[in-house]
PDB file of N, CA and C in Angstrom:
ATOM      1  N   PRO A   1     -12.215  -9.195  22.649  1.00  0.00           N
ATOM      2  CA  PRO A   1     -11.192  -8.195  22.412  1.00  0.00           C
ATOM      3  C   PRO A   1      -9.893  -8.835  21.945  1.00  0.00           C
ATOM      4  N   LYS A   2      -9.190  -8.120  21.158  1.00  0.00           N
ATOM      5  CA  LYS A   2      -7.950  -8.604  20.569  1.00  0.00           C
ATOM      6  C   LYS A   2      -6.905  -8.855  21.657  1.00  0.00           C
ATOM      7  N   GLY A   3      -6.148  -9.953  21.489  1.00  0.00           N
ATOM      8  CA  GLY A   3      -5.077 -10.269  22.423  1.00  0.00           C
ATOM      9  C   GLY A   3      -5.509 -11.061  23.644  1.00  0.00           C
ATOM     10  N   LEU A   4      -6.815 -11.277  23.813  1.00  0.00           N
ATOM     11  CA  LEU A   4      -7.280 -12.054  24.956  1.00  0.00           C
ATOM     12  C   LEU A   4      -7.366 -13.525  24.576  1.00  0.00           C
ATOM     13  N   ARG A   5      -7.084 -14.384  25.564  1.00  0.00           N
ATOM     14  CA  ARG A   5      -7.156 -15.830  25.358  1.00  0.00           C
ATOM     15  C   ARG A   5      -7.941 -16.458  26.501  1.00  0.00           C
ATOM     16  N   CYS A   6      -8.495 -17.595  26.211  1.00  0.00           N
ATOM     17  CA  CYS A   6      -9.184 -18.368  27.239  1.00  0.00           C
ATOM     18  C   CYS A   6      -8.156 -18.837  28.267  1.00  0.00           C
ATOM     19  N   TYR A   7      -8.481 -18.673  29.545  1.00  0.00           N
ATOM     20  CA  TYR A   7      -7.582 -19.049  30.636  1.00  0.00           C
ATOM     21  C   TYR A   7      -8.296 -20.085  31.512  1.00  0.00           C
ATOM     22  N   PRO A   8      -8.049 -21.388  31.277  1.00  0.00           N
ATOM     23  CA  PRO A   8      -8.805 -22.464  31.934  1.00  0.00           C
ATOM     24  C   PRO A   8      -8.898 -22.405  33.457  1.00  0.00           C
ATOM     25  N   PRO A   9      -7.841 -22.046  34.205  1.00  0.00           N
ATOM     26  CA  PRO A   9      -7.985 -22.041  35.660  1.00  0.00           C
ATOM     27  C   PRO A   9      -9.085 -21.103  36.178  1.00  0.00           C
ATOM     28  N   ASP A  10      -9.440 -20.098  35.407  1.00  0.00           N
ATOM     29  CA  ASP A  10     -10.461 -19.149  35.858  1.00  0.00           C
ATOM     30  C   ASP A  10     -11.893 -19.604  35.590  1.00  0.00           C
ATOM     31  N   PHE A  11     -12.067 -20.772  34.954  1.00  0.00           N
ATOM     32  CA  PHE A  11     -13.422 -21.283  34.762  1.00  0.00           C
ATOM     33  C   PHE A  11     -14.151 -21.417  36.096  1.00  0.00           C
ATOM     34  N   TRP A  12     -13.446 -21.777  37.144  1.00  0.00           N
ATOM     35  CA  TRP A  12     -14.108 -21.994  38.441  1.00  0.00           C
ATOM     36  C   TRP A  12     -14.736 -20.731  38.993  1.00  0.00           C
ATOM     37  N   PHE A  13     -14.237 -19.568  38.616  1.00  0.00           N
ATOM     38  CA  PHE A  13     -14.834 -18.305  39.063  1.00  0.00           C
ATOM     39  C   PHE A  13     -16.140 -18.015  38.324  1.00  0.00           C
ATOM     40  N   LEU A  14     -16.342 -18.625  37.168  1.00  0.00           N
ATOM     41  CA  LEU A  14     -17.539 -18.407  36.355  1.00  0.00           C
ATOM     42  C   LEU A  14     -18.557 -19.526  36.494  1.00  0.00           C
ATOM     43  N   ASN A  15     -18.166 -20.618  37.095  1.00  0.00           N
ATOM     44  CA  ASN A  15     -18.970 -21.837  37.132  1.00  0.00           C
ATOM     45  C   ASN A  15     -19.971 -21.826  38.287  1.00  0.00           C
ATOM     46  N   SER A  16     -20.872 -20.844  38.268  1.00  0.00           N
ATOM     47  CA  SER A  16     -21.928 -20.797  39.282  1.00  0.00           C
ATOM     48  C   SER A  16     -23.195 -20.234  38.648  1.00  0.00           C
ATOM     49  N   CYS A  17     -24.327 -20.638  39.180  1.00  0.00           N
ATOM     50  CA  CYS A  17     -25.605 -20.151  38.660  1.00  0.00           C
ATOM     51  C   CYS A  17     -25.697 -18.635  38.811  1.00  0.00           C
ATOM     52  N   GLU A  18     -25.214 -18.110  39.915  1.00  0.00           N
ATOM     53  CA  GLU A  18     -25.272 -16.670  40.157  1.00  0.00           C
ATOM     54  C   GLU A  18     -24.458 -15.898  39.124  1.00  0.00           C
ATOM     55  N   LYS A  19     -23.272 -16.372  38.803  1.00  0.00           N
ATOM     56  CA  LYS A  19     -22.422 -15.697  37.820  1.00  0.00           C
ATOM     57  C   LYS A  19     -23.045 -15.762  36.422  1.00  0.00           C
ATOM     58  N   LEU A  20     -23.561 -16.934  36.038  1.00  0.00           N
ATOM     59  CA  LEU A  20     -24.207 -17.064  34.729  1.00  0.00           C
ATOM     60  C   LEU A  20     -25.413 -16.142  34.615  1.00  0.00           C
ATOM     61  N   ALA A  21     -26.187 -16.014  35.692  1.00  0.00           N
ATOM     62  CA  ALA A  21     -27.379 -15.164  35.681  1.00  0.00           C
ATOM     63  C   ALA A  21     -27.028 -13.683  35.516  1.00  0.00           C
ATOM     64  N   ALA A  22     -25.794 -13.319  35.790  1.00  0.00           N
ATOM     65  CA  ALA A  22     -25.360 -11.936  35.576  1.00  0.00           C
ATOM     66  C   ALA A  22     -25.127 -11.646  34.088  1.00  0.00           C
ATOM     67  N   TYR A  23     -24.976 -12.699  33.273  1.00  0.00           N
ATOM     68  CA  TYR A  23     -24.679 -12.536  31.850  1.00  0.00           C
ATOM     69  C   TYR A  23     -25.773 -13.065  30.932  1.00  0.00           C
ATOM     70  N   PHE A  24     -26.586 -14.013  31.419  1.00  0.00           N
ATOM     71  CA  PHE A  24     -27.627 -14.642  30.618  1.00  0.00           C
ATOM     72  C   PHE A  24     -28.952 -14.609  31.380  1.00  0.00           C
ATOM     73  N   PRO A  25     -30.096 -14.681  30.673  1.00  0.00           N
ATOM     74  CA  PRO A  25     -31.388 -14.616  31.363  1.00  0.00           C
ATOM     75  C   PRO A  25     -31.753 -15.864  32.176  1.00  0.00           C
ATOM     76  N   CYS A  26     -31.274 -17.037  31.814  1.00  0.00           N
ATOM     77  CA  CYS A  26     -31.537 -18.291  32.561  1.00  0.00           C
ATOM     78  C   CYS A  26     -33.023 -18.462  32.876  1.00  0.00           C
ATOM     79  N   GLU A  27     -33.885 -18.233  31.889  1.00  0.00           N
ATOM     80  CA  GLU A  27     -35.339 -18.262  32.105  1.00  0.00           C
ATOM     81  C   GLU A  27     -35.848 -19.580  32.679  1.00  0.00           C
ATOM     82  N   ALA A  28     -35.191 -20.692  32.334  1.00  0.00           N
ATOM     83  CA  ALA A  28     -35.634 -22.014  32.797  1.00  0.00           C
ATOM     84  C   ALA A  28     -34.853 -22.481  34.021  1.00  0.00           C
ATOM     85  N   GLY A  29     -34.084 -21.583  34.626  1.00  0.00           N
ATOM     86  CA  GLY A  29     -33.344 -21.942  35.826  1.00  0.00           C
ATOM     87  C   GLY A  29     -31.907 -22.346  35.529  1.00  0.00           C
ATOM     88  N   CYS A  30     -31.362 -23.127  36.442  1.00  0.00           N
ATOM     89  CA  CYS A  30     -29.961 -23.527  36.368  1.00  0.00           C
ATOM     90  C   CYS A  30     -29.866 -25.013  36.719  1.00  0.00           C
ATOM     91  N   ALA A  31     -28.912 -25.714  36.105  1.00  0.00           N
ATOM     92  CA  ALA A  31     -28.773 -27.146  36.354  1.00  0.00           C
ATOM     93  C   ALA A  31     -27.308 -27.556  36.359  1.00  0.00           C
ATOM     94  N   MET A  32     -27.007 -28.605  37.110  1.00  0.00           N
ATOM     95  CA  MET A  32     -25.680 -29.207  37.157  1.00  0.00           C
ATOM     96  C   MET A  32     -25.644 -30.321  36.125  1.00  0.00           C
ATOM     97  N   VAL A  33     -24.662 -30.281  35.230  1.00  0.00           N
ATOM     98  CA  VAL A  33     -24.507 -31.300  34.189  1.00  0.00           C
ATOM     99  C   VAL A  33     -23.030 -31.664  34.063  1.00  0.00           C
ATOM    100  N   LEU A  34     -22.741 -32.706  33.306  1.00  0.00           N
ATOM    101  CA  LEU A  34     -21.366 -33.067  32.983  1.00  0.00           C
ATOM    102  C   LEU A  34     -21.106 -32.677  31.545  1.00  0.00           C
ATOM    103  N   GLY A  35     -20.087 -31.855  31.329  1.00  0.00           N
ATOM    104  CA  GLY A  35     -19.761 -31.449  29.977  1.00  0.00           C
ATOM    105  C   GLY A  35     -18.532 -30.572  29.966  1.00  0.00           C
ATOM    106  N   ASP A  36     -17.721 -30.724  28.938  1.00  0.00           N
ATOM    107  CA  ASP A  36     -16.496 -29.927  28.832  1.00  0.00           C
ATOM    108  C   ASP A  36     -16.768 -28.508  28.359  1.00  0.00           C
ATOM    109  N   ASP A  37     -17.965 -28.256  27.802  1.00  0.00           N
ATOM    110  CA  ASP A  37     -18.292 -26.941  27.257  1.00  0.00           C
ATOM    111  C   ASP A  37     -19.074 -26.067  28.247  1.00  0.00           C
ATOM    112  N   VAL A  38     -19.144 -26.475  29.468  1.00  0.00           N
ATOM    113  CA  VAL A  38     -19.889 -25.789  30.524  1.00  0.00           C
ATOM    114  C   VAL A  38     -18.896 -24.965  31.349  1.00  0.00           C
ATOM    115  N   PRO A  39     -19.206 -23.812  31.869  1.00  0.00           N
ATOM    116  CA  PRO A  39     -20.517 -23.183  32.053  1.00  0.00           C
ATOM    117  C   PRO A  39     -21.039 -22.551  30.762  1.00  0.00           C
ATOM    118  N   ASN A  40     -22.380 -22.628  30.593  1.00  0.00           N
ATOM    119  CA  ASN A  40     -22.985 -22.053  29.412  1.00  0.00           C
ATOM    120  C   ASN A  40     -24.470 -21.798  29.615  1.00  0.00           C
ATOM    121  N   TYR A  41     -25.056 -21.195  28.580  1.00  0.00           N
ATOM    122  CA  TYR A  41     -26.493 -20.931  28.512  1.00  0.00           C
ATOM    123  C   TYR A  41     -27.000 -21.648  27.267  1.00  0.00           C
ATOM    124  N   VAL A  42     -28.079 -22.407  27.393  1.00  0.00           N
ATOM    125  CA  VAL A  42     -28.573 -23.227  26.288  1.00  0.00           C
ATOM    126  C   VAL A  42     -29.489 -22.397  25.384  1.00  0.00           C
ATOM    127  N   VAL A  43     -29.080 -22.259  24.121  1.00  0.00           N
ATOM    128  CA  VAL A  43     -29.836 -21.475  23.135  1.00  0.00           C
ATOM    129  C   VAL A  43     -30.525 -22.356  22.101  1.00  0.00           C
ATOM    130  N   GLY A  44     -30.187 -23.649  22.065  1.00  0.00           N
ATOM    131  CA  GLY A  44     -30.778 -24.568  21.093  1.00  0.00           C
ATOM    132  C   GLY A  44     -32.172 -24.998  21.515  1.00  0.00           C
ATOM    133  N   GLU A  45     -33.188 -24.584  20.746  1.00  0.00           N
ATOM    134  CA  GLU A  45     -34.583 -24.900  21.085  1.00  0.00           C
ATOM    135  C   GLU A  45     -34.862 -26.395  21.118  1.00  0.00           C
ATOM    136  N   GLU A  46     -34.061 -27.185  20.399  1.00  0.00           N
ATOM    137  CA  GLU A  46     -34.284 -28.629  20.339  1.00  0.00           C
ATOM    138  C   GLU A  46     -33.748 -29.363  21.572  1.00  0.00           C
ATOM    139  N   MET A  47     -33.047 -28.665  22.423  1.00  0.00           N
ATOM    140  CA  MET A  47     -32.419 -29.303  23.581  1.00  0.00           C
ATOM    141  C   MET A  47     -33.349 -29.325  24.793  1.00  0.00           C
ATOM    142  N   ASP A  48     -33.276 -30.395  25.594  1.00  0.00           N
ATOM    143  CA  ASP A  48     -34.102 -30.536  26.801  1.00  0.00           C
ATOM    144  C   ASP A  48     -33.832 -29.426  27.812  1.00  0.00           C
ATOM    145  N   THR A  49     -32.642 -28.873  27.769  1.00  0.00           N
ATOM    146  CA  THR A  49     -32.240 -27.844  28.730  1.00  0.00           C
ATOM    147  C   THR A  49     -32.353 -26.426  28.151  1.00  0.00           C
ATOM    148  N   PHE A  50     -33.157 -26.248  27.106  1.00  0.00           N
ATOM    149  CA  PHE A  50     -33.334 -24.948  26.452  1.00  0.00           C
ATOM    150  C   PHE A  50     -33.634 -23.852  27.479  1.00  0.00           C
ATOM    151  N   ARG A  51     -32.919 -22.752  27.355  1.00  0.00           N
ATOM    152  CA  ARG A  51     -33.042 -21.561  28.206  1.00  0.00           C
ATOM    153  C   ARG A  51     -32.574 -21.781  29.647  1.00  0.00           C
ATOM    154  N   LYS A  52     -31.807 -22.835  29.873  1.00  0.00           N
ATOM    155  CA  LYS A  52     -31.215 -23.050  31.193  1.00  0.00           C
ATOM    156  C   LYS A  52     -29.767 -22.621  31.183  1.00  0.00           C
ATOM    157  N   CYS A  53     -29.300 -22.207  32.329  1.00  0.00           N
ATOM    158  CA  CYS A  53     -27.875 -22.007  32.538  1.00  0.00           C
ATOM    159  C   CYS A  53     -27.339 -23.310  33.115  1.00  0.00           C
ATOM    160  N   LEU A  54     -26.169 -23.724  32.647  1.00  0.00           N
ATOM    161  CA  LEU A  54     -25.605 -25.003  33.061  1.00  0.00           C
ATOM    162  C   LEU A  54     -24.240 -24.814  33.709  1.00  0.00           C
ATOM    163  N   VAL A  55     -24.040 -25.502  34.821  1.00  0.00           N
ATOM    164  CA  VAL A  55     -22.756 -25.526  35.525  1.00  0.00           C
ATOM    165  C   VAL A  55     -22.303 -26.977  35.632  1.00  0.00           C
ATOM    166  N   THR A  56     -21.048 -27.190  36.031  1.00  0.00           N
ATOM    167  CA  THR A  56     -20.500 -28.542  36.051  1.00  0.00           C
ATOM    168  C   THR A  56     -19.564 -28.750  37.234  1.00  0.00           C
ATOM    169  N   GLU A  57     -19.321 -30.017  37.566  1.00  0.00           N
ATOM    170  CA  GLU A  57     -18.328 -30.367  38.585  1.00  0.00           C
ATOM    171  C   GLU A  57     -17.011 -30.755  37.935  1.00  0.00           C
ATOM    172  N   ARG A  58     -16.989 -30.862  36.609  1.00  0.00           N
ATOM    173  CA  ARG A  58     -15.773 -31.226  35.877  1.00  0.00           C
ATOM    174  C   ARG A  58     -14.998 -29.966  35.501  1.00  0.00           C
ATOM    175  N   GLN A  59     -13.728 -30.148  35.168  1.00  0.00           N
ATOM    176  CA  GLN A  59     -12.909 -29.031  34.697  1.00  0.00           C
ATOM    177  C   GLN A  59     -13.266 -28.733  33.235  1.00  0.00           C
ATOM    178  N   PRO A  60     -13.842 -27.575  32.951  1.00  0.00           N
ATOM    179  CA  PRO A  60     -14.143 -27.206  31.570  1.00  0.00           C
ATOM    180  C   PRO A  60     -12.860 -26.992  30.764  1.00  0.00           C
ATOM    181  N   THR A  61     -12.998 -27.022  29.457  1.00  0.00           N
ATOM    182  CA  THR A  61     -11.850 -26.770  28.593  1.00  0.00           C
ATOM    183  C   THR A  61     -12.158 -25.629  27.628  1.00  0.00           C
ATOM    184  N   CYS A  62     -11.129 -24.936  27.215  1.00  0.00           N
ATOM    185  CA  CYS A  62     -11.296 -23.829  26.268  1.00  0.00           C
ATOM    186  C   CYS A  62     -11.656 -24.323  24.874  1.00  0.00           C
ATOM    187  N   ALA A  63     -11.239 -25.523  24.526  1.00  0.00           N
ATOM    188  CA  ALA A  63     -11.466 -26.048  23.183  1.00  0.00           C
ATOM    189  C   ALA A  63     -12.875 -26.597  22.980  1.00  0.00           C
ATOM    190  N   ALA A  64     -13.573 -26.912  24.059  1.00  0.00           N
ATOM    191  CA  ALA A  64     -14.893 -27.527  23.941  1.00  0.00           C
ATOM    192  C   ALA A  64     -15.938 -26.512  23.490  1.00  0.00           C
ATOM    193  N   SER A  65     -16.899 -26.995  22.718  1.00  0.00           N
ATOM    194  CA  SER A  65     -18.007 -26.151  22.293  1.00  0.00           C
ATOM    195  C   SER A  65     -19.193 -27.030  21.946  1.00  0.00           C
ATOM    196  N   HIS A  66     -20.365 -26.419  21.834  1.00  0.00           N
ATOM    197  CA  HIS A  66     -21.570 -27.130  21.443  1.00  0.00           C
ATOM    198  C   HIS A  66     -22.427 -26.154  20.649  1.00  0.00           C
ATOM    199  N   HIS A  67     -22.992 -26.607  19.545  1.00  0.00           N
ATOM    200  CA  HIS A  67     -23.770 -25.727  18.672  1.00  0.00           C
ATOM    201  C   HIS A  67     -25.004 -25.135  19.345  1.00  0.00           C
ATOM    202  N   GLY A  68     -25.513 -25.791  20.389  1.00  0.00           N
ATOM    203  CA  GLY A  68     -26.731 -25.334  21.029  1.00  0.00           C
ATOM    204  C   GLY A  68     -26.532 -24.508  22.282  1.00  0.00           C
ATOM    205  N   THR A  69     -25.298 -24.080  22.545  1.00  0.00           N
ATOM    206  CA  THR A  69     -25.049 -23.324  23.770  1.00  0.00           C
ATOM    207  C   THR A  69     -24.226 -22.062  23.511  1.00  0.00           C
ATOM    208  N   ALA A  70     -24.360 -21.122  24.424  1.00  0.00           N
ATOM    209  CA  ALA A  70     -23.553 -19.912  24.425  1.00  0.00           C
ATOM    210  C   ALA A  70     -22.664 -20.000  25.677  1.00  0.00           C
ATOM    211  N   PRO A  71     -21.359 -20.129  25.517  1.00  0.00           N
ATOM    212  CA  PRO A  71     -20.476 -20.305  26.667  1.00  0.00           C
ATOM    213  C   PRO A  71     -20.150 -18.998  27.372  1.00  0.00           C
ATOM    214  N   LEU A  72     -19.766 -19.116  28.626  1.00  0.00           N
ATOM    215  CA  LEU A  72     -19.198 -18.003  29.368  1.00  0.00           C
ATOM    216  C   LEU A  72     -17.742 -18.392  29.606  1.00  0.00           C
ATOM    217  N   CYS A  73     -16.835 -17.690  28.950  1.00  0.00           N
ATOM    218  CA  CYS A  73     -15.432 -18.074  28.962  1.00  0.00           C
ATOM    219  C   CYS A  73     -14.560 -17.084  29.729  1.00  0.00           C
ATOM    220  N   PRO A  74     -13.571 -17.589  30.468  1.00  0.00           N
ATOM    221  CA  PRO A  74     -12.642 -16.713  31.162  1.00  0.00           C
ATOM    222  C   PRO A  74     -11.532 -16.264  30.208  1.00  0.00           C
ATOM    223  N   CYS A  75     -11.325 -14.992  30.104  1.00  0.00           N
ATOM    224  CA  CYS A  75     -10.302 -14.468  29.196  1.00  0.00           C
ATOM    225  C   CYS A  75      -9.241 -13.715  29.970  1.00  0.00           C
ATOM    226  N   GLY A  76      -8.022 -13.747  29.438  1.00  0.00           N
ATOM    227  CA  GLY A  76      -6.913 -13.025  30.032  1.00  0.00           C
ATOM    228  C   GLY A  76      -5.965 -12.549  28.946  1.00  0.00           C
ATOM    229  N   GLY A  77      -4.944 -11.841  29.362  1.00  0.00           N
ATOM    230  CA  GLY A  77      -3.994 -11.261  28.425  1.00  0.00           C
ATOM    231  C   GLY A  77      -3.076 -12.244  27.771  1.00  0.00           C
ATOM    232  N   GLY A  78      -3.011 -13.461  28.255  1.00  0.00           N
ATOM    233  CA  GLY A  78      -2.188 -14.476  27.631  1.00  0.00           C
ATOM    234  C   GLY A  78      -0.707 -14.278  27.801  1.00  0.00           C
ATOM    235  N   GLY A  79      -0.307 -13.581  28.811  1.00  0.00           N
ATOM    236  CA  GLY A  79       1.113 -13.389  28.961  1.00  0.00           C
ATOM    237  C   GLY A  79       1.453 -13.324  30.361  1.00  0.00           C
TER     238      GLY A  79
END
């Protein structure tokens, strides 16, 4: 939606297998990984983690992305 921006502090509210499963099918389960583009769902068939939901112990960033994943991003009004 227009006017919304990624709000990094809220990544921690989305960074759980249960939360990802509410938005993605997670057919292959859920895994803990290290990555700035996490939390996400892996859509790249060439990836070892294909169809998994991924969470992390690191602080995700709004700028990070990966061609083989669909991210779950926290958005806010930016003001």
